[in-house]
Amino acid sequence: MDGTGAATSGLTAALPALPEGEVWVAMPYEPAFPGIIPVDETPPGVITDQAHFPSLRDPSSDVEIGLRCRPAVARWIGIHLEAFYGIARYRFTWRGNSLEIYEDLEGESRDAQPRVVRSGDDGRYEIRDLWYPVASSAVAELGQRHLDALAVLTRDDAPAPVSHMLAYLADHPGAPSTMGGNIEAALARLAAELGR
């Protein structure tokens, strides 16, 4: 369950250090993000290869985990999900220190009510989804291709349309061909919400 990302026998330059308590996690077939998994929640598996879903003992064991993440990481997660699914199905809206998550993956509800997430005492936001820790070897492999993007995610920089983040968010199985443009649109929407 070690998702800290220690480099594996010379495969890549040293990976950026994660803030204390954070591990790399991902949803199945999606980019990895850093955050804290609560001690009372146990993910059902570990991702050892971003192209293969972990074998589960029981397929019904897919449970949402409450990943606690820094605001910058929560924003990148929102950008990725909006770009992948489209804002009609997944939208993160920031209102001051509150995050509203609109989720309608089936596209059936025009009146979906958002989940409202407020930052905790530690300033982190809990984003519940199918999070799996990413094994160190898989993080090291990501570091070979996306070291700059992983470094961005270990810091608290405001999301910006930089080429290494656009490439990282689009480099996973199933990313639509429109992903790059969708990411840029999500970044522009976020900048407008935050008044930049």
N, C-alpha and C. Protein backbone atom coordinates (compact mmCIF):
# COMPACT_ATOMS: atom_id res chain seq x y z
N MET A 1 0.83 -1.19 0.00
CA MET A 1 0.00 0.00 0.00
C MET A 1 0.86 1.24 0.00
N ASP A 2 2.17 1.09 -0.24
CA ASP A 2 3.08 2.22 -0.25
C ASP A 2 2.94 2.96 -1.56
N GLY A 3 2.33 4.14 -1.53
CA GLY A 3 2.16 4.94 -2.73
C GLY A 3 3.05 6.15 -2.71
N THR A 4 4.12 6.14 -1.92
CA THR A 4 4.95 7.32 -1.78
C THR A 4 5.78 7.59 -3.00
N GLY A 5 6.03 6.60 -3.81
CA GLY A 5 6.69 6.85 -5.08
C GLY A 5 8.20 6.84 -5.02
N ALA A 6 8.82 6.05 -4.20
CA ALA A 6 10.27 5.97 -4.21
C ALA A 6 10.72 5.43 -5.55
N ALA A 7 11.79 5.99 -6.08
CA ALA A 7 12.29 5.57 -7.39
C ALA A 7 12.70 4.10 -7.34
N THR A 8 12.44 3.40 -8.43
CA THR A 8 12.75 1.98 -8.48
C THR A 8 14.03 1.77 -9.26
N SER A 9 15.05 1.26 -8.63
CA SER A 9 16.35 0.90 -9.18
C SER A 9 16.73 1.63 -10.46
N GLY A 10 16.89 2.94 -10.35
CA GLY A 10 17.41 3.73 -11.44
C GLY A 10 16.44 3.96 -12.59
N LEU A 11 15.16 3.66 -12.43
CA LEU A 11 14.21 3.87 -13.51
C LEU A 11 14.00 5.34 -13.83
N THR A 12 14.12 6.19 -12.86
CA THR A 12 13.83 7.60 -13.07
C THR A 12 14.58 8.44 -12.06
N ALA A 13 14.63 9.73 -12.34
CA ALA A 13 15.21 10.65 -11.37
C ALA A 13 14.35 10.60 -10.11
N ALA A 14 14.88 11.12 -9.03
CA ALA A 14 14.14 11.10 -7.77
C ALA A 14 12.78 11.77 -7.96
N LEU A 15 11.76 11.10 -7.49
CA LEU A 15 10.41 11.64 -7.57
C LEU A 15 10.26 12.72 -6.51
N PRO A 16 9.42 13.71 -6.77
CA PRO A 16 9.19 14.75 -5.77
C PRO A 16 8.57 14.16 -4.51
N ALA A 17 8.98 14.69 -3.38
CA ALA A 17 8.46 14.19 -2.09
C ALA A 17 7.03 14.68 -1.89
N LEU A 18 6.20 13.78 -1.40
CA LEU A 18 4.82 14.13 -1.07
C LEU A 18 4.76 14.79 0.29
N PRO A 19 3.80 15.68 0.51
CA PRO A 19 3.59 16.19 1.86
C PRO A 19 3.30 15.03 2.82
N GLU A 20 3.61 15.23 4.06
CA GLU A 20 3.49 14.19 5.08
C GLU A 20 2.09 13.57 5.10
N GLY A 21 2.06 12.25 5.12
CA GLY A 21 0.80 11.50 5.22
C GLY A 21 0.14 11.21 3.88
N GLU A 22 0.59 11.85 2.80
CA GLU A 22 -0.05 11.65 1.51
C GLU A 22 0.52 10.43 0.79
N VAL A 23 -0.33 9.82 -0.02
CA VAL A 23 0.05 8.73 -0.91
C VAL A 23 -0.52 9.04 -2.29
N TRP A 24 0.04 8.39 -3.30
CA TRP A 24 -0.52 8.51 -4.65
C TRP A 24 -1.69 7.54 -4.78
N VAL A 25 -2.80 8.04 -5.31
CA VAL A 25 -3.98 7.22 -5.54
C VAL A 25 -4.52 7.52 -6.93
N ALA A 26 -5.35 6.61 -7.43
CA ALA A 26 -6.00 6.84 -8.72
C ALA A 26 -7.31 6.09 -8.73
N MET A 27 -8.20 6.55 -9.58
CA MET A 27 -9.39 5.78 -9.90
C MET A 27 -8.96 4.80 -11.00
N PRO A 28 -9.68 3.73 -11.19
CA PRO A 28 -9.28 2.77 -12.23
C PRO A 28 -9.06 3.45 -13.59
N TYR A 29 -7.91 3.19 -14.18
CA TYR A 29 -7.54 3.68 -15.51
C TYR A 29 -7.47 5.20 -15.62
N GLU A 30 -7.19 5.88 -14.51
CA GLU A 30 -7.17 7.34 -14.50
C GLU A 30 -5.81 7.83 -13.98
N PRO A 31 -5.51 9.13 -14.11
CA PRO A 31 -4.25 9.66 -13.59
C PRO A 31 -4.19 9.56 -12.06
N ALA A 32 -3.00 9.55 -11.54
CA ALA A 32 -2.80 9.49 -10.08
C ALA A 32 -2.77 10.90 -9.49
N PHE A 33 -3.28 11.01 -8.28
CA PHE A 33 -3.28 12.26 -7.52
C PHE A 33 -2.84 11.96 -6.10
N PRO A 34 -2.23 12.92 -5.42
CA PRO A 34 -1.83 12.69 -4.02
C PRO A 34 -2.91 13.11 -3.04
N GLY A 35 -2.97 12.40 -1.92
CA GLY A 35 -3.91 12.75 -0.87
C GLY A 35 -3.75 11.80 0.30
N ILE A 36 -4.59 12.00 1.29
CA ILE A 36 -4.57 11.18 2.50
C ILE A 36 -5.81 10.30 2.52
N ILE A 37 -5.58 9.00 2.70
CA ILE A 37 -6.68 8.06 2.86
C ILE A 37 -6.94 7.94 4.36
N PRO A 38 -8.17 8.18 4.81
CA PRO A 38 -8.45 8.07 6.24
C PRO A 38 -8.11 6.68 6.78
N VAL A 39 -7.61 6.64 8.01
CA VAL A 39 -7.18 5.37 8.60
C VAL A 39 -8.33 4.38 8.78
N ASP A 40 -9.57 4.88 8.85
CA ASP A 40 -10.69 3.97 9.04
C ASP A 40 -11.32 3.50 7.73
N GLU A 41 -10.69 3.81 6.59
CA GLU A 41 -11.19 3.36 5.30
C GLU A 41 -10.10 2.53 4.61
N THR A 42 -10.48 1.37 4.11
CA THR A 42 -9.52 0.46 3.49
C THR A 42 -9.86 0.26 2.02
N PRO A 43 -8.99 0.72 1.12
CA PRO A 43 -9.24 0.47 -0.30
C PRO A 43 -9.20 -1.03 -0.59
N PRO A 44 -9.99 -1.49 -1.57
CA PRO A 44 -10.06 -2.92 -1.84
C PRO A 44 -8.91 -3.47 -2.68
N GLY A 45 -7.99 -2.64 -3.11
CA GLY A 45 -6.88 -3.13 -3.93
C GLY A 45 -5.84 -2.07 -4.14
N VAL A 46 -4.77 -2.42 -4.83
CA VAL A 46 -3.67 -1.51 -5.13
C VAL A 46 -3.43 -1.55 -6.64
N ILE A 47 -3.23 -0.39 -7.25
CA ILE A 47 -2.94 -0.33 -8.68
C ILE A 47 -1.43 -0.54 -8.85
N THR A 48 -1.08 -1.61 -9.54
CA THR A 48 0.33 -1.88 -9.80
C THR A 48 0.73 -1.50 -11.21
N ASP A 49 -0.27 -1.24 -12.06
CA ASP A 49 -0.05 -0.87 -13.44
C ASP A 49 -1.25 -0.03 -13.87
N GLN A 50 -0.99 1.20 -14.33
CA GLN A 50 -2.09 2.10 -14.67
C GLN A 50 -2.97 1.57 -15.80
N ALA A 51 -2.47 0.61 -16.57
CA ALA A 51 -3.26 0.08 -17.69
C ALA A 51 -4.11 -1.13 -17.31
N HIS A 52 -3.96 -1.62 -16.07
CA HIS A 52 -4.72 -2.80 -15.65
C HIS A 52 -5.40 -2.54 -14.32
N PHE A 53 -6.66 -2.87 -14.25
CA PHE A 53 -7.43 -2.69 -13.03
C PHE A 53 -7.03 -3.78 -12.03
N PRO A 54 -6.90 -3.43 -10.75
CA PRO A 54 -6.53 -4.46 -9.76
C PRO A 54 -7.55 -5.59 -9.71
N SER A 55 -7.07 -6.80 -9.50
CA SER A 55 -7.97 -7.94 -9.31
C SER A 55 -8.63 -7.80 -7.95
N LEU A 56 -9.93 -7.91 -7.93
CA LEU A 56 -10.67 -7.77 -6.68
C LEU A 56 -11.22 -9.13 -6.27
N ARG A 57 -11.21 -9.37 -4.98
CA ARG A 57 -11.78 -10.61 -4.46
C ARG A 57 -13.28 -10.66 -4.74
N ASP A 58 -13.93 -9.51 -4.62
CA ASP A 58 -15.37 -9.44 -4.76
C ASP A 58 -15.70 -8.18 -5.56
N PRO A 59 -16.22 -8.31 -6.79
CA PRO A 59 -16.50 -7.12 -7.60
C PRO A 59 -17.41 -6.11 -6.91
N SER A 60 -18.22 -6.56 -5.98
CA SER A 60 -19.10 -5.61 -5.28
C SER A 60 -18.34 -4.86 -4.18
N SER A 61 -17.03 -5.12 -4.08
CA SER A 61 -16.25 -4.47 -3.03
C SER A 61 -15.78 -3.07 -3.45
N ASP A 62 -16.17 -2.63 -4.65
CA ASP A 62 -15.84 -1.26 -5.05
C ASP A 62 -16.55 -0.30 -4.11
N VAL A 63 -15.80 0.36 -3.27
CA VAL A 63 -16.38 1.31 -2.33
C VAL A 63 -15.69 2.65 -2.50
N GLU A 64 -16.44 3.69 -2.27
CA GLU A 64 -15.86 5.02 -2.33
C GLU A 64 -14.99 5.25 -1.10
N ILE A 65 -13.86 5.87 -1.33
CA ILE A 65 -12.93 6.24 -0.27
C ILE A 65 -12.91 7.76 -0.20
N GLY A 66 -12.85 8.30 0.99
CA GLY A 66 -12.86 9.75 1.18
C GLY A 66 -11.45 10.32 1.14
N LEU A 67 -10.90 10.49 -0.05
CA LEU A 67 -9.56 11.05 -0.19
C LEU A 67 -9.53 12.48 0.31
N ARG A 68 -8.61 12.77 1.25
CA ARG A 68 -8.46 14.14 1.78
C ARG A 68 -7.32 14.79 1.02
N CYS A 69 -7.64 15.84 0.29
CA CYS A 69 -6.61 16.46 -0.54
C CYS A 69 -6.54 17.97 -0.36
N ARG A 70 -5.37 18.48 -0.68
CA ARG A 70 -5.14 19.92 -0.61
C ARG A 70 -5.99 20.61 -1.68
N PRO A 71 -6.31 21.91 -1.50
CA PRO A 71 -7.16 22.59 -2.47
C PRO A 71 -6.65 22.52 -3.91
N ALA A 72 -5.35 22.68 -4.13
CA ALA A 72 -4.82 22.64 -5.50
C ALA A 72 -5.07 21.27 -6.12
N VAL A 73 -4.89 20.20 -5.36
CA VAL A 73 -5.13 18.85 -5.88
C VAL A 73 -6.62 18.64 -6.15
N ALA A 74 -7.48 19.11 -5.26
CA ALA A 74 -8.92 19.00 -5.48
C ALA A 74 -9.31 19.70 -6.78
N ARG A 75 -8.68 20.83 -7.05
CA ARG A 75 -8.98 21.55 -8.30
C ARG A 75 -8.52 20.76 -9.52
N TRP A 76 -7.33 20.15 -9.44
CA TRP A 76 -6.86 19.33 -10.57
C TRP A 76 -7.76 18.11 -10.77
N ILE A 77 -8.24 17.51 -9.69
CA ILE A 77 -9.16 16.37 -9.82
C ILE A 77 -10.43 16.83 -10.54
N GLY A 78 -10.96 17.97 -10.14
CA GLY A 78 -12.15 18.50 -10.79
C GLY A 78 -11.93 18.78 -12.26
N ILE A 79 -10.78 19.37 -12.59
CA ILE A 79 -10.45 19.65 -14.00
C ILE A 79 -10.42 18.35 -14.79
N HIS A 80 -9.76 17.35 -14.24
CA HIS A 80 -9.68 16.06 -14.94
C HIS A 80 -11.08 15.46 -15.15
N LEU A 81 -11.89 15.40 -14.10
CA LEU A 81 -13.20 14.75 -14.22
C LEU A 81 -14.12 15.51 -15.17
N GLU A 82 -14.10 16.84 -15.10
CA GLU A 82 -14.91 17.64 -16.03
C GLU A 82 -14.47 17.40 -17.47
N ALA A 83 -13.15 17.36 -17.70
CA ALA A 83 -12.63 17.18 -19.05
C ALA A 83 -12.93 15.78 -19.58
N PHE A 84 -12.88 14.79 -18.72
CA PHE A 84 -13.11 13.41 -19.15
C PHE A 84 -14.59 13.14 -19.41
N TYR A 85 -15.46 13.53 -18.46
CA TYR A 85 -16.88 13.21 -18.56
C TYR A 85 -17.72 14.30 -19.21
N GLY A 86 -17.23 15.53 -19.21
CA GLY A 86 -18.02 16.66 -19.69
C GLY A 86 -18.78 17.30 -18.54
N ILE A 87 -18.96 18.61 -18.61
CA ILE A 87 -19.57 19.32 -17.47
C ILE A 87 -21.04 19.00 -17.28
N ALA A 88 -21.68 18.42 -18.28
CA ALA A 88 -23.08 18.02 -18.10
C ALA A 88 -23.17 16.82 -17.15
N ARG A 89 -22.07 16.07 -17.02
CA ARG A 89 -22.09 14.87 -16.19
C ARG A 89 -21.27 15.00 -14.91
N TYR A 90 -20.26 15.85 -14.92
CA TYR A 90 -19.40 16.01 -13.74
C TYR A 90 -18.92 17.45 -13.71
N ARG A 91 -19.25 18.16 -12.64
CA ARG A 91 -18.83 19.56 -12.56
C ARG A 91 -18.43 19.90 -11.14
N PHE A 92 -17.29 20.53 -11.00
CA PHE A 92 -16.82 21.04 -9.71
C PHE A 92 -17.00 22.56 -9.75
N THR A 93 -17.70 23.10 -8.79
CA THR A 93 -17.91 24.55 -8.71
C THR A 93 -17.40 25.04 -7.37
N TRP A 94 -16.57 26.06 -7.40
CA TRP A 94 -15.99 26.62 -6.17
C TRP A 94 -16.74 27.89 -5.79
N ARG A 95 -17.23 27.91 -4.57
CA ARG A 95 -17.93 29.09 -4.02
C ARG A 95 -17.24 29.43 -2.71
N GLY A 96 -16.29 30.36 -2.78
CA GLY A 96 -15.49 30.68 -1.59
C GLY A 96 -14.68 29.47 -1.18
N ASN A 97 -14.84 29.04 0.06
CA ASN A 97 -14.12 27.86 0.56
C ASN A 97 -14.93 26.58 0.43
N SER A 98 -16.06 26.65 -0.25
CA SER A 98 -16.89 25.45 -0.44
C SER A 98 -16.74 24.94 -1.87
N LEU A 99 -16.76 23.64 -1.99
CA LEU A 99 -16.71 22.96 -3.27
C LEU A 99 -18.05 22.27 -3.47
N GLU A 100 -18.68 22.52 -4.61
CA GLU A 100 -19.92 21.84 -4.96
C GLU A 100 -19.61 20.87 -6.09
N ILE A 101 -19.93 19.60 -5.87
CA ILE A 101 -19.68 18.57 -6.89
C ILE A 101 -21.01 18.10 -7.44
N TYR A 102 -21.22 18.39 -8.72
CA TYR A 102 -22.42 17.93 -9.42
C TYR A 102 -22.02 16.67 -10.18
N GLU A 103 -22.74 15.59 -9.94
CA GLU A 103 -22.40 14.32 -10.56
C GLU A 103 -23.66 13.68 -11.12
N ASP A 104 -23.68 13.49 -12.42
CA ASP A 104 -24.79 12.82 -13.10
C ASP A 104 -24.20 12.00 -14.24
N LEU A 105 -23.49 10.94 -13.91
CA LEU A 105 -22.76 10.16 -14.90
C LEU A 105 -23.65 9.51 -15.94
N GLU A 106 -24.90 9.29 -15.61
CA GLU A 106 -25.82 8.67 -16.57
C GLU A 106 -26.50 9.73 -17.44
N GLY A 107 -26.34 11.01 -17.11
CA GLY A 107 -26.94 12.08 -17.89
C GLY A 107 -28.45 12.09 -17.82
N GLU A 108 -29.00 11.68 -16.68
CA GLU A 108 -30.45 11.54 -16.57
C GLU A 108 -31.13 12.66 -15.80
N SER A 109 -30.41 13.39 -14.97
CA SER A 109 -31.06 14.35 -14.09
C SER A 109 -30.62 15.78 -14.39
N ARG A 110 -31.56 16.59 -14.78
CA ARG A 110 -31.25 18.01 -15.01
C ARG A 110 -31.29 18.81 -13.71
N ASP A 111 -31.85 18.22 -12.66
CA ASP A 111 -31.99 18.93 -11.38
C ASP A 111 -31.12 18.30 -10.29
N ALA A 112 -30.01 17.72 -10.67
CA ALA A 112 -29.14 17.06 -9.69
C ALA A 112 -28.65 18.08 -8.65
N GLN A 113 -28.72 17.69 -7.40
CA GLN A 113 -28.24 18.53 -6.32
C GLN A 113 -26.77 18.21 -6.07
N PRO A 114 -25.97 19.23 -5.81
CA PRO A 114 -24.55 18.97 -5.62
C PRO A 114 -24.24 18.42 -4.23
N ARG A 115 -23.12 17.71 -4.17
CA ARG A 115 -22.53 17.39 -2.87
C ARG A 115 -21.73 18.62 -2.49
N VAL A 116 -21.94 19.15 -1.31
CA VAL A 116 -21.19 20.32 -0.86
C VAL A 116 -20.09 19.83 0.06
N VAL A 117 -18.85 20.20 -0.29
CA VAL A 117 -17.68 19.78 0.47
C VAL A 117 -17.00 21.04 0.99
N ARG A 118 -16.84 21.09 2.29
CA ARG A 118 -16.13 22.22 2.91
C ARG A 118 -14.77 21.74 3.39
N SER A 119 -13.83 22.65 3.42
CA SER A 119 -12.50 22.24 3.87
C SER A 119 -12.55 21.89 5.35
N GLY A 120 -11.75 20.89 5.73
CA GLY A 120 -11.67 20.48 7.12
C GLY A 120 -10.75 21.41 7.90
N ASP A 121 -10.53 21.09 9.16
CA ASP A 121 -9.65 21.89 9.99
C ASP A 121 -8.23 21.97 9.43
N ASP A 122 -7.85 20.95 8.65
CA ASP A 122 -6.51 20.93 8.06
C ASP A 122 -6.47 21.60 6.69
N GLY A 123 -7.59 22.20 6.25
CA GLY A 123 -7.64 22.88 4.96
C GLY A 123 -7.85 21.96 3.78
N ARG A 124 -8.03 20.66 4.03
CA ARG A 124 -8.19 19.70 2.96
C ARG A 124 -9.68 19.45 2.66
N TYR A 125 -9.92 19.02 1.43
CA TYR A 125 -11.27 18.67 0.98
C TYR A 125 -11.35 17.16 0.82
N GLU A 126 -12.47 16.57 1.24
CA GLU A 126 -12.65 15.14 1.08
C GLU A 126 -13.44 14.87 -0.19
N ILE A 127 -12.79 14.20 -1.12
CA ILE A 127 -13.44 13.83 -2.38
C ILE A 127 -13.63 12.32 -2.38
N ARG A 128 -14.88 11.92 -2.34
CA ARG A 128 -15.22 10.49 -2.27
C ARG A 128 -15.34 9.94 -3.68
N ASP A 129 -14.61 8.86 -3.92
CA ASP A 129 -14.69 8.18 -5.21
C ASP A 129 -14.00 6.83 -5.08
N LEU A 130 -13.82 6.13 -6.18
CA LEU A 130 -13.19 4.80 -6.16
C LEU A 130 -11.67 4.97 -6.20
N TRP A 131 -11.09 5.39 -5.10
CA TRP A 131 -9.65 5.63 -5.02
C TRP A 131 -8.90 4.37 -4.64
N TYR A 132 -7.84 4.09 -5.36
CA TYR A 132 -6.96 2.96 -5.07
C TYR A 132 -5.54 3.50 -4.91
N PRO A 133 -4.80 3.07 -3.90
CA PRO A 133 -3.39 3.46 -3.81
C PRO A 133 -2.64 2.95 -5.04
N VAL A 134 -1.63 3.70 -5.45
CA VAL A 134 -0.80 3.33 -6.59
C VAL A 134 0.53 2.84 -6.05
N ALA A 135 0.94 1.64 -6.45
CA ALA A 135 2.18 1.05 -5.98
C ALA A 135 3.39 1.91 -6.39
N SER A 136 4.43 1.86 -5.59
CA SER A 136 5.64 2.64 -5.85
C SER A 136 6.20 2.40 -7.24
N SER A 137 6.18 1.16 -7.70
CA SER A 137 6.72 0.87 -9.04
C SER A 137 5.91 1.57 -10.12
N ALA A 138 4.59 1.64 -9.97
CA ALA A 138 3.75 2.33 -10.95
C ALA A 138 3.96 3.84 -10.89
N VAL A 139 4.17 4.38 -9.69
CA VAL A 139 4.46 5.82 -9.56
C VAL A 139 5.81 6.13 -10.21
N ALA A 140 6.80 5.26 -10.01
CA ALA A 140 8.11 5.46 -10.63
C ALA A 140 7.99 5.46 -12.15
N GLU A 141 7.13 4.58 -12.69
CA GLU A 141 6.92 4.54 -14.13
C GLU A 141 6.25 5.83 -14.61
N LEU A 142 5.29 6.34 -13.84
CA LEU A 142 4.68 7.63 -14.18
C LEU A 142 5.72 8.73 -14.16
N GLY A 143 6.64 8.66 -13.19
CA GLY A 143 7.70 9.67 -13.09
C GLY A 143 8.60 9.69 -14.31
N GLN A 144 8.77 8.56 -14.97
CA GLN A 144 9.57 8.53 -16.19
C GLN A 144 8.95 9.38 -17.28
N ARG A 145 7.63 9.38 -17.36
CA ARG A 145 6.94 10.11 -18.42
C ARG A 145 6.48 11.49 -17.99
N HIS A 146 6.18 11.66 -16.69
CA HIS A 146 5.50 12.89 -16.26
C HIS A 146 6.08 13.48 -14.97
N LEU A 147 7.37 13.52 -14.85
CA LEU A 147 8.00 13.99 -13.62
C LEU A 147 7.56 15.41 -13.26
N ASP A 148 7.51 16.31 -14.26
CA ASP A 148 7.10 17.69 -14.00
C ASP A 148 5.67 17.78 -13.49
N ALA A 149 4.79 16.96 -14.04
CA ALA A 149 3.39 16.98 -13.60
C ALA A 149 3.26 16.45 -12.17
N LEU A 150 3.99 15.38 -11.84
CA LEU A 150 3.95 14.87 -10.48
C LEU A 150 4.46 15.92 -9.51
N ALA A 151 5.48 16.67 -9.91
CA ALA A 151 6.01 17.74 -9.05
C ALA A 151 4.95 18.81 -8.80
N VAL A 152 4.20 19.17 -9.83
CA VAL A 152 3.13 20.17 -9.68
C VAL A 152 2.13 19.68 -8.63
N LEU A 153 1.78 18.40 -8.68
CA LEU A 153 0.77 17.87 -7.77
C LEU A 153 1.26 17.73 -6.33
N THR A 154 2.55 17.81 -6.10
CA THR A 154 3.07 17.77 -4.73
C THR A 154 3.14 19.16 -4.12
N ARG A 155 2.93 20.18 -4.95
CA ARG A 155 2.95 21.57 -4.47
C ARG A 155 1.53 22.11 -4.43
N ASP A 156 1.43 23.36 -4.03
CA ASP A 156 0.11 24.00 -3.94
C ASP A 156 -0.07 25.10 -4.98
N ASP A 157 0.57 24.93 -6.14
CA ASP A 157 0.42 25.90 -7.22
C ASP A 157 -1.03 25.91 -7.72
N ALA A 158 -1.50 27.10 -8.09
CA ALA A 158 -2.84 27.18 -8.70
C ALA A 158 -2.80 26.48 -10.05
N PRO A 159 -3.83 25.73 -10.40
CA PRO A 159 -3.86 25.07 -11.71
C PRO A 159 -3.71 26.08 -12.85
N ALA A 160 -2.90 25.71 -13.82
CA ALA A 160 -2.64 26.56 -14.98
C ALA A 160 -2.48 25.67 -16.21
N PRO A 161 -2.75 26.21 -17.41
CA PRO A 161 -2.67 25.39 -18.62
C PRO A 161 -1.23 25.19 -19.10
N VAL A 162 -0.46 24.44 -18.33
CA VAL A 162 0.92 24.15 -18.72
C VAL A 162 0.96 22.82 -19.46
N SER A 163 1.86 22.72 -20.42
CA SER A 163 1.87 21.55 -21.31
C SER A 163 2.06 20.24 -20.57
N HIS A 164 2.90 20.21 -19.52
CA HIS A 164 3.14 18.93 -18.86
C HIS A 164 1.90 18.45 -18.08
N MET A 165 1.07 19.36 -17.59
CA MET A 165 -0.17 18.93 -16.93
C MET A 165 -1.22 18.49 -17.95
N LEU A 166 -1.29 19.20 -19.08
CA LEU A 166 -2.23 18.79 -20.13
C LEU A 166 -1.89 17.38 -20.62
N ALA A 167 -0.59 17.12 -20.82
CA ALA A 167 -0.16 15.80 -21.27
C ALA A 167 -0.45 14.74 -20.22
N TYR A 168 -0.19 15.05 -18.95
CA TYR A 168 -0.40 14.08 -17.88
C TYR A 168 -1.86 13.68 -17.74
N LEU A 169 -2.75 14.67 -17.71
CA LEU A 169 -4.17 14.38 -17.50
C LEU A 169 -4.79 13.62 -18.68
N ALA A 170 -4.18 13.75 -19.85
CA ALA A 170 -4.71 13.06 -21.03
C ALA A 170 -4.05 11.71 -21.29
N ASP A 171 -3.01 11.36 -20.52
CA ASP A 171 -2.25 10.13 -20.76
C ASP A 171 -2.77 8.99 -19.89
N HIS A 172 -3.92 8.45 -20.28
CA HIS A 172 -4.47 7.28 -19.60
C HIS A 172 -5.44 6.60 -20.53
N PRO A 173 -5.64 5.30 -20.33
CA PRO A 173 -6.54 4.56 -21.23
C PRO A 173 -7.94 5.17 -21.24
N GLY A 174 -8.50 5.30 -22.41
CA GLY A 174 -9.88 5.78 -22.53
C GLY A 174 -10.05 7.28 -22.59
N ALA A 175 -8.96 8.04 -22.53
CA ALA A 175 -9.10 9.50 -22.61
C ALA A 175 -9.65 9.87 -23.99
N PRO A 176 -10.69 10.71 -24.04
CA PRO A 176 -11.25 11.07 -25.34
C PRO A 176 -10.27 11.93 -26.13
N SER A 177 -10.40 11.92 -27.44
CA SER A 177 -9.50 12.71 -28.29
C SER A 177 -9.64 14.20 -28.03
N THR A 178 -10.75 14.62 -27.43
CA THR A 178 -10.99 16.03 -27.13
C THR A 178 -10.44 16.44 -25.76
N MET A 179 -9.74 15.53 -25.08
CA MET A 179 -9.32 15.76 -23.70
C MET A 179 -8.51 17.06 -23.54
N GLY A 180 -7.54 17.33 -24.41
CA GLY A 180 -6.72 18.52 -24.29
C GLY A 180 -7.56 19.80 -24.30
N GLY A 181 -8.45 19.91 -25.27
CA GLY A 181 -9.32 21.08 -25.34
C GLY A 181 -10.27 21.17 -24.16
N ASN A 182 -10.77 20.00 -23.71
CA ASN A 182 -11.67 19.97 -22.55
C ASN A 182 -10.95 20.44 -21.29
N ILE A 183 -9.68 20.04 -21.13
CA ILE A 183 -8.90 20.47 -19.96
C ILE A 183 -8.71 21.97 -19.99
N GLU A 184 -8.37 22.51 -21.15
CA GLU A 184 -8.19 23.96 -21.25
C GLU A 184 -9.49 24.70 -20.94
N ALA A 185 -10.64 24.18 -21.39
CA ALA A 185 -11.93 24.81 -21.09
C ALA A 185 -12.22 24.75 -19.59
N ALA A 186 -11.92 23.61 -18.96
CA ALA A 186 -12.14 23.48 -17.51
C ALA A 186 -11.24 24.43 -16.74
N LEU A 187 -9.99 24.60 -17.19
CA LEU A 187 -9.08 25.54 -16.54
C LEU A 187 -9.59 26.97 -16.67
N ALA A 188 -10.11 27.33 -17.83
CA ALA A 188 -10.66 28.68 -18.04
C ALA A 188 -11.87 28.92 -17.14
N ARG A 189 -12.74 27.91 -17.01
CA ARG A 189 -13.92 28.02 -16.15
C ARG A 189 -13.49 28.20 -14.69
N LEU A 190 -12.49 27.43 -14.26
CA LEU A 190 -12.00 27.55 -12.90
C LEU A 190 -11.41 28.93 -12.66
N ALA A 191 -10.62 29.44 -13.58
CA ALA A 191 -10.02 30.77 -13.43
C ALA A 191 -11.10 31.83 -13.28
N ALA A 192 -12.18 31.71 -14.07
CA ALA A 192 -13.28 32.67 -13.96
C ALA A 192 -13.97 32.58 -12.61
N GLU A 193 -14.18 31.34 -12.11
CA GLU A 193 -14.82 31.17 -10.79
C GLU A 193 -13.99 31.77 -9.67
N LEU A 194 -12.67 31.59 -9.78
CA LEU A 194 -11.79 32.09 -8.73
C LEU A 194 -11.44 33.55 -8.92
N GLY A 195 -11.98 34.17 -9.97
CA GLY A 195 -11.81 35.60 -10.18
C GLY A 195 -10.42 36.02 -10.60
N ARG A 196 -9.74 35.14 -11.35
CA ARG A 196 -8.41 35.51 -11.82
C ARG A 196 -8.49 36.16 -13.16
